[in-house]
Amino acid sequence: MKIAIIVPMEIEAAYYRNNFNSEDKKMFGTTAFEHFSVNGNDIYLGLSGIGKVQAAMNLSSLLSNEDVDLIFMTGSAGSMDESVHKEDLILPNSFTYHDAHNTAAGDYVEGQIPQEPARFELNSPQRDKFAQYLKDQNIDFREGLVVTGDSFIASSKQKEEIKKNFPDALGVEMEGAAFAQVAYHFNKPLIAMRAISDNGDENADEDFDSFVKKVGAKAAKLICNYVEELK
């Protein structure tokens, strides 16, 4: 099985290197992916970069060159719900763009890109299997909508505007919907895991630096353990 693990930041990739021994590197487009062999599976670890364009470009480059069977996207997110707290894990079941406003362009809803699905659903047997693995490990996690945009959300005003359009959103980040859109068009299963690093308000900037290491390690440990058992 060929498995892609893609994270936005170098600091998050470091946790995977601590568990896997890299065999070589391959360039796909402008991104270097490290190649590992784990339990008979080929693992490709790469950085997406930050933001929608970087995420879509780098995942598309990989999928255009390798017949990947499964994509893991990990990283951090800001909370969009009072019941979602720092260090909580979210296993998104759908993504949409909080900065896409195209209702005047036709029969579209907030978050929808014209001629694309209203939301990118992550329904797949592979995702169901991973969710069951988390439950078997007694890992607490939430499932629901995560919204994506090119802005770092760091004020209550920004957060409130997003919540008006997406009251069911659990988290907000900068790459997920782009990943989901690419995976949708390549017909590849995507498993996304986001660990909450901040509350998406005025304290988000100072919270982000202090929590991203911790939450990144938490998600990476779970992914690594799962991949090591996957056959």
C-alpha atoms as a PDB file:
ATOM      1  CA  MET A   1       0.000   0.000   0.000  1.00  0.00           C
ATOM      2  CA  LYS A   2       1.172   3.527  -0.784  1.00  0.00           C
ATOM      3  CA  ILE A   3       0.354   6.043   1.920  1.00  0.00           C
ATOM      4  CA  ALA A   4       0.882   9.798   1.841  1.00  0.00           C
ATOM      5  CA  ILE A   5       1.324  11.704   5.093  1.00  0.00           C
ATOM      6  CA  ILE A   6       1.283  15.435   4.526  1.00  0.00           C
ATOM      7  CA  VAL A   7       1.647  18.174   7.126  1.00  0.00           C
ATOM      8  CA  PRO A   8       1.792  21.966   6.725  1.00  0.00           C
ATOM      9  CA  MET A   9       4.931  22.698   8.737  1.00  0.00           C
ATOM     10  CA  GLU A  10       8.443  21.353   9.197  1.00  0.00           C
ATOM     11  CA  ILE A  11       7.975  21.256  12.954  1.00  0.00           C
ATOM     12  CA  GLU A  12       5.151  18.746  12.484  1.00  0.00           C
ATOM     13  CA  ALA A  13       7.095  16.571  10.033  1.00  0.00           C
ATOM     14  CA  ALA A  14       9.888  16.108  12.583  1.00  0.00           C
ATOM     15  CA  TYR A  15       7.730  13.853  14.734  1.00  0.00           C
ATOM     16  CA  TYR A  16       7.312  11.353  11.906  1.00  0.00           C
ATOM     17  CA  ARG A  17      11.040  11.236  11.254  1.00  0.00           C
ATOM     18  CA  ASN A  18      11.551  10.248  14.876  1.00  0.00           C
ATOM     19  CA  ASN A  19       9.477   7.114  14.225  1.00  0.00           C
ATOM     20  CA  PHE A  20      10.428   6.206  10.648  1.00  0.00           C
ATOM     21  CA  ASN A  21      13.833   5.895   8.999  1.00  0.00           C
ATOM     22  CA  SER A  22      13.932   7.691   5.660  1.00  0.00           C
ATOM     23  CA  GLU A  23      15.240   5.698   2.708  1.00  0.00           C
ATOM     24  CA  ASP A  24      15.376   8.469   0.114  1.00  0.00           C
ATOM     25  CA  LYS A  25      13.745  11.654  -1.100  1.00  0.00           C
ATOM     26  CA  LYS A  26      11.767  12.216  -4.254  1.00  0.00           C
ATOM     27  CA  MET A  27      10.780  15.513  -5.829  1.00  0.00           C
ATOM     28  CA  PHE A  28       7.177  15.845  -6.958  1.00  0.00           C
ATOM     29  CA  GLY A  29       6.669  19.257  -8.466  1.00  0.00           C
ATOM     30  CA  THR A  30       8.379  21.688  -6.133  1.00  0.00           C
ATOM     31  CA  THR A  31       8.037  19.517  -3.022  1.00  0.00           C
ATOM     32  CA  ALA A  32      10.469  16.936  -1.674  1.00  0.00           C
ATOM     33  CA  PHE A  33       8.737  13.871  -0.249  1.00  0.00           C
ATOM     34  CA  GLU A  34      10.674  11.573   2.050  1.00  0.00           C
ATOM     35  CA  HIS A  35      10.160   7.892   1.294  1.00  0.00           C
ATOM     36  CA  PHE A  36       9.897   5.279   4.050  1.00  0.00           C
ATOM     37  CA  SER A  37       9.106   1.561   4.082  1.00  0.00           C
ATOM     38  CA  VAL A  38       6.971   0.624   7.073  1.00  0.00           C
ATOM     39  CA  ASN A  39       5.549  -2.878   7.529  1.00  0.00           C
ATOM     40  CA  GLY A  40       5.606  -3.443   3.779  1.00  0.00           C
ATOM     41  CA  ASN A  41       3.920  -0.117   3.024  1.00  0.00           C
ATOM     42  CA  ASP A  42       5.461   2.755   1.095  1.00  0.00           C
ATOM     43  CA  ILE A  43       5.110   5.995   3.051  1.00  0.00           C
ATOM     44  CA  TYR A  44       5.561   9.409   1.449  1.00  0.00           C
ATOM     45  CA  LEU A  45       6.025  12.232   3.940  1.00  0.00           C
ATOM     46  CA  GLY A  46       5.886  15.768   2.631  1.00  0.00           C
ATOM     47  CA  LEU A  47       5.112  19.334   3.552  1.00  0.00           C
ATOM     48  CA  SER A  48       2.032  20.919   2.053  1.00  0.00           C
ATOM     49  CA  GLY A  49       3.086  24.433   2.859  1.00  0.00           C
ATOM     50  CA  ILE A  50       0.609  26.826   4.418  1.00  0.00           C
ATOM     51  CA  GLY A  51      -2.592  27.875   2.682  1.00  0.00           C
ATOM     52  CA  LYS A  52      -4.934  26.533   0.040  1.00  0.00           C
ATOM     53  CA  VAL A  53      -2.816  26.977  -3.079  1.00  0.00           C
ATOM     54  CA  GLN A  54       0.272  25.356  -1.576  1.00  0.00           C
ATOM     55  CA  ALA A  55      -1.772  22.444  -0.262  1.00  0.00           C
ATOM     56  CA  ALA A  56      -3.554  21.783  -3.561  1.00  0.00           C
ATOM     57  CA  MET A  57      -0.406  22.196  -5.653  1.00  0.00           C
ATOM     58  CA  ASN A  58       1.754  19.844  -3.621  1.00  0.00           C
ATOM     59  CA  LEU A  59      -0.820  17.106  -3.147  1.00  0.00           C
ATOM     60  CA  SER A  60      -1.698  17.242  -6.869  1.00  0.00           C
ATOM     61  CA  SER A  61       1.984  16.885  -7.765  1.00  0.00           C
ATOM     62  CA  LEU A  62       2.273  13.739  -5.650  1.00  0.00           C
ATOM     63  CA  LEU A  63      -0.954  12.140  -6.890  1.00  0.00           C
ATOM     64  CA  SER A  64      -0.054  12.864 -10.507  1.00  0.00           C
ATOM     65  CA  ASN A  65       3.118  10.797 -10.115  1.00  0.00           C
ATOM     66  CA  GLU A  66       2.290   8.088  -7.572  1.00  0.00           C
ATOM     67  CA  ASP A  67      -0.793   5.885  -7.359  1.00  0.00           C
ATOM     68  CA  VAL A  68      -1.330   6.604  -3.682  1.00  0.00           C
ATOM     69  CA  ASP A  69      -3.890   4.408  -1.904  1.00  0.00           C
ATOM     70  CA  LEU A  70      -4.491   6.551   1.158  1.00  0.00           C
ATOM     71  CA  ILE A  71      -3.800  10.150   2.211  1.00  0.00           C
ATOM     72  CA  PHE A  72      -3.316  11.304   5.789  1.00  0.00           C
ATOM     73  CA  MET A  73      -3.459  15.011   6.462  1.00  0.00           C
ATOM     74  CA  THR A  74      -2.428  16.073   9.940  1.00  0.00           C
ATOM     75  CA  GLY A  75      -1.771  19.355  11.678  1.00  0.00           C
ATOM     76  CA  SER A  76      -3.408  21.908  13.916  1.00  0.00           C
ATOM     77  CA  ALA A  77      -6.586  23.986  13.865  1.00  0.00           C
ATOM     78  CA  GLY A  78      -8.341  26.692  15.817  1.00  0.00           C
ATOM     79  CA  SER A  79     -11.515  25.920  17.726  1.00  0.00           C
ATOM     80  CA  MET A  80     -14.822  27.152  16.320  1.00  0.00           C
ATOM     81  CA  ASP A  81     -17.058  25.656  18.977  1.00  0.00           C
ATOM     82  CA  GLU A  82     -17.278  26.271  22.708  1.00  0.00           C
ATOM     83  CA  SER A  83     -17.227  22.520  23.344  1.00  0.00           C
ATOM     84  CA  VAL A  84     -13.927  22.059  21.443  1.00  0.00           C
ATOM     85  CA  HIS A  85     -10.887  22.866  23.558  1.00  0.00           C
ATOM     86  CA  LYS A  86      -7.124  23.126  23.241  1.00  0.00           C
ATOM     87  CA  GLU A  87      -5.438  19.778  22.549  1.00  0.00           C
ATOM     88  CA  ASP A  88      -8.732  18.142  21.511  1.00  0.00           C
ATOM     89  CA  LEU A  89      -8.601  15.990  18.378  1.00  0.00           C
ATOM     90  CA  ILE A  90     -10.952  16.472  15.451  1.00  0.00           C
ATOM     91  CA  LEU A  91     -11.473  13.853  12.771  1.00  0.00           C
ATOM     92  CA  PRO A  92     -13.268  15.953  10.148  1.00  0.00           C
ATOM     93  CA  ASN A  93     -16.009  14.271   8.167  1.00  0.00           C
ATOM     94  CA  SER A  94     -16.378  17.245   5.820  1.00  0.00           C
ATOM     95  CA  PHE A  95     -14.614  20.405   4.701  1.00  0.00           C
ATOM     96  CA  THR A  96     -15.677  23.627   3.049  1.00  0.00           C
ATOM     97  CA  TYR A  97     -14.192  27.086   2.418  1.00  0.00           C
ATOM     98  CA  HIS A  98     -15.204  29.786   4.873  1.00  0.00           C
ATOM     99  CA  ASP A  99     -13.849  32.448   2.500  1.00  0.00           C
ATOM    100  CA  ALA A 100     -15.809  31.351  -0.594  1.00  0.00           C
ATOM    101  CA  HIS A 101     -18.875  33.573  -1.083  1.00  0.00           C
ATOM    102  CA  ASN A 102     -20.519  32.667  -4.393  1.00  0.00           C
ATOM    103  CA  THR A 103     -24.226  32.694  -3.665  1.00  0.00           C
ATOM    104  CA  ALA A 104     -24.708  35.560  -6.150  1.00  0.00           C
ATOM    105  CA  ALA A 105     -23.099  33.486  -8.935  1.00  0.00           C
ATOM    106  CA  GLY A 106     -25.862  30.899  -9.125  1.00  0.00           C
ATOM    107  CA  ASP A 107     -27.510  28.168  -7.083  1.00  0.00           C
ATOM    108  CA  TYR A 108     -24.644  27.906  -4.607  1.00  0.00           C
ATOM    109  CA  VAL A 109     -24.332  27.975  -0.827  1.00  0.00           C
ATOM    110  CA  GLU A 110     -21.790  29.701   1.382  1.00  0.00           C
ATOM    111  CA  GLY A 111     -18.429  27.957   1.193  1.00  0.00           C
ATOM    112  CA  GLN A 112     -19.074  26.440  -2.227  1.00  0.00           C
ATOM    113  CA  ILE A 113     -16.792  26.904  -5.219  1.00  0.00           C
ATOM    114  CA  PRO A 114     -18.869  27.133  -8.420  1.00  0.00           C
ATOM    115  CA  GLN A 115     -19.295  23.729 -10.088  1.00  0.00           C
ATOM    116  CA  GLU A 116     -17.831  21.960  -7.047  1.00  0.00           C
ATOM    117  CA  PRO A 117     -19.672  20.140  -4.220  1.00  0.00           C
ATOM    118  CA  ALA A 118     -21.149  22.285  -1.463  1.00  0.00           C
ATOM    119  CA  ARG A 119     -19.018  20.354   1.008  1.00  0.00           C
ATOM    120  CA  PHE A 120     -16.295  17.803   0.497  1.00  0.00           C
ATOM    121  CA  GLU A 121     -17.367  14.735   2.423  1.00  0.00           C
ATOM    122  CA  LEU A 122     -14.681  12.356   3.697  1.00  0.00           C
ATOM    123  CA  ASN A 123     -16.766   9.203   3.744  1.00  0.00           C
ATOM    124  CA  SER A 124     -14.679   6.107   3.038  1.00  0.00           C
ATOM    125  CA  PRO A 125     -14.088   2.622   4.508  1.00  0.00           C
ATOM    126  CA  GLN A 126     -10.496   3.686   5.214  1.00  0.00           C
ATOM    127  CA  ARG A 127     -11.624   6.618   7.326  1.00  0.00           C
ATOM    128  CA  ASP A 128     -14.159   4.433   9.147  1.00  0.00           C
ATOM    129  CA  LYS A 129     -11.400   1.945   9.949  1.00  0.00           C
ATOM    130  CA  PHE A 130      -9.163   4.665  11.368  1.00  0.00           C
ATOM    131  CA  ALA A 131     -12.024   6.086  13.442  1.00  0.00           C
ATOM    132  CA  GLN A 132     -12.614   2.634  14.897  1.00  0.00           C
ATOM    133  CA  TYR A 133      -8.898   2.354  15.671  1.00  0.00           C
ATOM    134  CA  LEU A 134      -9.067   5.576  17.669  1.00  0.00           C
ATOM    135  CA  LYS A 135     -12.079   4.275  19.574  1.00  0.00           C
ATOM    136  CA  ASP A 136     -10.319   0.992  20.297  1.00  0.00           C
ATOM    137  CA  GLN A 137      -7.396   2.992  21.708  1.00  0.00           C
ATOM    138  CA  ASN A 138      -9.809   4.951  23.906  1.00  0.00           C
ATOM    139  CA  ILE A 139      -8.852   8.184  22.145  1.00  0.00           C
ATOM    140  CA  ASP A 140     -11.365  10.980  22.525  1.00  0.00           C
ATOM    141  CA  PHE A 141     -12.105  12.826  19.304  1.00  0.00           C
ATOM    142  CA  ARG A 142     -14.827  14.837  17.640  1.00  0.00           C
ATOM    143  CA  GLU A 143     -16.254  14.398  14.158  1.00  0.00           C
ATOM    144  CA  GLY A 144     -17.763  17.172  12.112  1.00  0.00           C
ATOM    145  CA  LEU A 145     -17.195  20.086   9.769  1.00  0.00           C
ATOM    146  CA  VAL A 146     -13.899  21.954   9.580  1.00  0.00           C
ATOM    147  CA  VAL A 147     -13.695  25.147   7.522  1.00  0.00           C
ATOM    148  CA  THR A 148     -10.714  26.384   5.534  1.00  0.00           C
ATOM    149  CA  GLY A 149      -9.461  29.787   4.445  1.00  0.00           C
ATOM    150  CA  ASP A 150      -6.271  31.655   3.676  1.00  0.00           C
ATOM    151  CA  SER A 151      -6.391  33.800   6.825  1.00  0.00           C
ATOM    152  CA  PHE A 152      -5.128  32.925  10.285  1.00  0.00           C
ATOM    153  CA  ILE A 153      -8.171  33.469  12.498  1.00  0.00           C
ATOM    154  CA  ALA A 154      -7.091  35.535  15.480  1.00  0.00           C
ATOM    155  CA  SER A 155     -10.041  37.653  16.582  1.00  0.00           C
ATOM    156  CA  SER A 156     -13.494  37.100  17.993  1.00  0.00           C
ATOM    157  CA  LYS A 157     -14.907  39.237  15.167  1.00  0.00           C
ATOM    158  CA  GLN A 158     -13.440  36.953  12.483  1.00  0.00           C
ATOM    159  CA  LYS A 159     -14.689  33.920  14.351  1.00  0.00           C
ATOM    160  CA  GLU A 160     -18.209  35.302  14.709  1.00  0.00           C
ATOM    161  CA  GLU A 161     -18.437  36.092  10.979  1.00  0.00           C
ATOM    162  CA  ILE A 162     -17.491  32.509  10.124  1.00  0.00           C
ATOM    163  CA  LYS A 163     -19.930  31.081  12.652  1.00  0.00           C
ATOM    164  CA  LYS A 164     -22.789  33.026  11.041  1.00  0.00           C
ATOM    165  CA  ASN A 165     -22.303  31.063   7.830  1.00  0.00           C
ATOM    166  CA  PHE A 166     -21.134  27.789   9.367  1.00  0.00           C
ATOM    167  CA  PRO A 167     -22.743  27.353  12.789  1.00  0.00           C
ATOM    168  CA  ASP A 168     -21.863  23.636  12.832  1.00  0.00           C
ATOM    169  CA  ALA A 169     -18.117  24.167  12.261  1.00  0.00           C
ATOM    170  CA  LEU A 170     -15.884  22.584  14.899  1.00  0.00           C
ATOM    171  CA  GLY A 171     -12.556  23.969  13.689  1.00  0.00           C
ATOM    172  CA  VAL A 172     -10.880  26.381  11.300  1.00  0.00           C
ATOM    173  CA  GLU A 173      -7.564  26.038   9.465  1.00  0.00           C
ATOM    174  CA  MET A 174      -5.833  26.852   6.183  1.00  0.00           C
ATOM    175  CA  GLU A 175      -5.418  23.700   4.043  1.00  0.00           C
ATOM    176  CA  GLY A 176      -8.051  21.033   4.641  1.00  0.00           C
ATOM    177  CA  ALA A 177     -10.724  21.896   2.064  1.00  0.00           C
ATOM    178  CA  ALA A 178      -8.040  22.219  -0.621  1.00  0.00           C
ATOM    179  CA  PHE A 179      -6.751  18.749   0.251  1.00  0.00           C
ATOM    180  CA  ALA A 180     -10.288  17.404   0.217  1.00  0.00           C
ATOM    181  CA  GLN A 181     -11.033  18.986  -3.154  1.00  0.00           C
ATOM    182  CA  VAL A 182      -7.918  17.453  -4.727  1.00  0.00           C
ATOM    183  CA  ALA A 183      -8.614  14.048  -3.160  1.00  0.00           C
ATOM    184  CA  TYR A 184     -12.181  14.242  -4.475  1.00  0.00           C
ATOM    185  CA  HIS A 185     -11.023  14.811  -8.047  1.00  0.00           C
ATOM    186  CA  PHE A 186      -8.347  12.102  -7.868  1.00  0.00           C
ATOM    187  CA  ASN A 187     -10.870   9.758  -6.213  1.00  0.00           C
ATOM    188  CA  LYS A 188      -8.530   9.018  -3.296  1.00  0.00           C
ATOM    189  CA  PRO A 189      -9.562   8.446   0.333  1.00  0.00           C
ATOM    190  CA  LEU A 190      -8.480  11.204   2.690  1.00  0.00           C
ATOM    191  CA  ILE A 191      -8.162  10.889   6.457  1.00  0.00           C
ATOM    192  CA  ALA A 192      -7.748  14.253   8.120  1.00  0.00           C
ATOM    193  CA  MET A 193      -6.786  14.793  11.725  1.00  0.00           C
ATOM    194  CA  ARG A 194      -6.585  18.200  13.315  1.00  0.00           C
ATOM    195  CA  ALA A 195      -5.477  18.872  16.876  1.00  0.00           C
ATOM    196  CA  ILE A 196      -6.745  22.091  18.426  1.00  0.00           C
ATOM    197  CA  SER A 197      -3.922  24.556  19.091  1.00  0.00           C
ATOM    198  CA  ASP A 198      -5.896  27.710  19.929  1.00  0.00           C
ATOM    199  CA  ASN A 199      -9.343  29.191  20.358  1.00  0.00           C
ATOM    200  CA  GLY A 200      -9.314  31.237  17.156  1.00  0.00           C
ATOM    201  CA  ASP A 201      -9.588  34.503  19.099  1.00  0.00           C
ATOM    202  CA  GLU A 202      -7.310  37.338  20.205  1.00  0.00           C
ATOM    203  CA  ASN A 203      -5.069  34.873  22.069  1.00  0.00           C
ATOM    204  CA  ALA A 204      -4.564  32.656  19.033  1.00  0.00           C
ATOM    205  CA  ASP A 205      -1.179  34.090  18.039  1.00  0.00           C
ATOM    206  CA  GLU A 206       0.498  33.507  21.375  1.00  0.00           C
ATOM    207  CA  ASP A 207      -1.294  30.194  21.849  1.00  0.00           C
ATOM    208  CA  PHE A 208      -0.234  28.859  18.453  1.00  0.00           C
ATOM    209  CA  ASP A 209       3.510  28.874  19.062  1.00  0.00           C
ATOM    210  CA  SER A 210       3.243  27.251  22.463  1.00  0.00           C
ATOM    211  CA  PHE A 211       0.728  24.559  21.542  1.00  0.00           C
ATOM    212  CA  VAL A 212       1.574  23.537  17.967  1.00  0.00           C
ATOM    213  CA  LYS A 213       4.471  21.331  19.046  1.00  0.00           C
ATOM    214  CA  LYS A 214       2.365  19.535  21.612  1.00  0.00           C
ATOM    215  CA  VAL A 215      -0.696  18.942  19.467  1.00  0.00           C
ATOM    216  CA  GLY A 216       1.430  18.030  16.443  1.00  0.00           C
ATOM    217  CA  ALA A 217       3.173  15.318  18.429  1.00  0.00           C
ATOM    218  CA  LYS A 218      -0.152  13.990  19.676  1.00  0.00           C
ATOM    219  CA  ALA A 219      -1.568  13.526  16.175  1.00  0.00           C
ATOM    220  CA  ALA A 220       1.707  12.178  14.767  1.00  0.00           C
ATOM    221  CA  LYS A 221       2.003   9.499  17.446  1.00  0.00           C
ATOM    222  CA  LEU A 222      -1.458   8.170  16.617  1.00  0.00           C
ATOM    223  CA  ILE A 223      -0.808   8.159  12.869  1.00  0.00           C
ATOM    224  CA  CYS A 224       2.578   6.460  13.275  1.00  0.00           C
ATOM    225  CA  ASN A 225       1.195   3.711  15.492  1.00  0.00           C
ATOM    226  CA  TYR A 226      -1.669   3.096  13.079  1.00  0.00           C
ATOM    227  CA  VAL A 227       0.567   2.923   9.998  1.00  0.00           C
ATOM    228  CA  GLU A 228       2.940   0.514  11.735  1.00  0.00           C
ATOM    229  CA  GLU A 229       0.043  -1.896  12.223  1.00  0.00           C
ATOM    230  CA  LEU A 230      -1.532  -1.386   8.794  1.00  0.00           C
ATOM    231  CA  LYS A 231      -1.289  -4.278   6.331  1.00  0.00           C
END
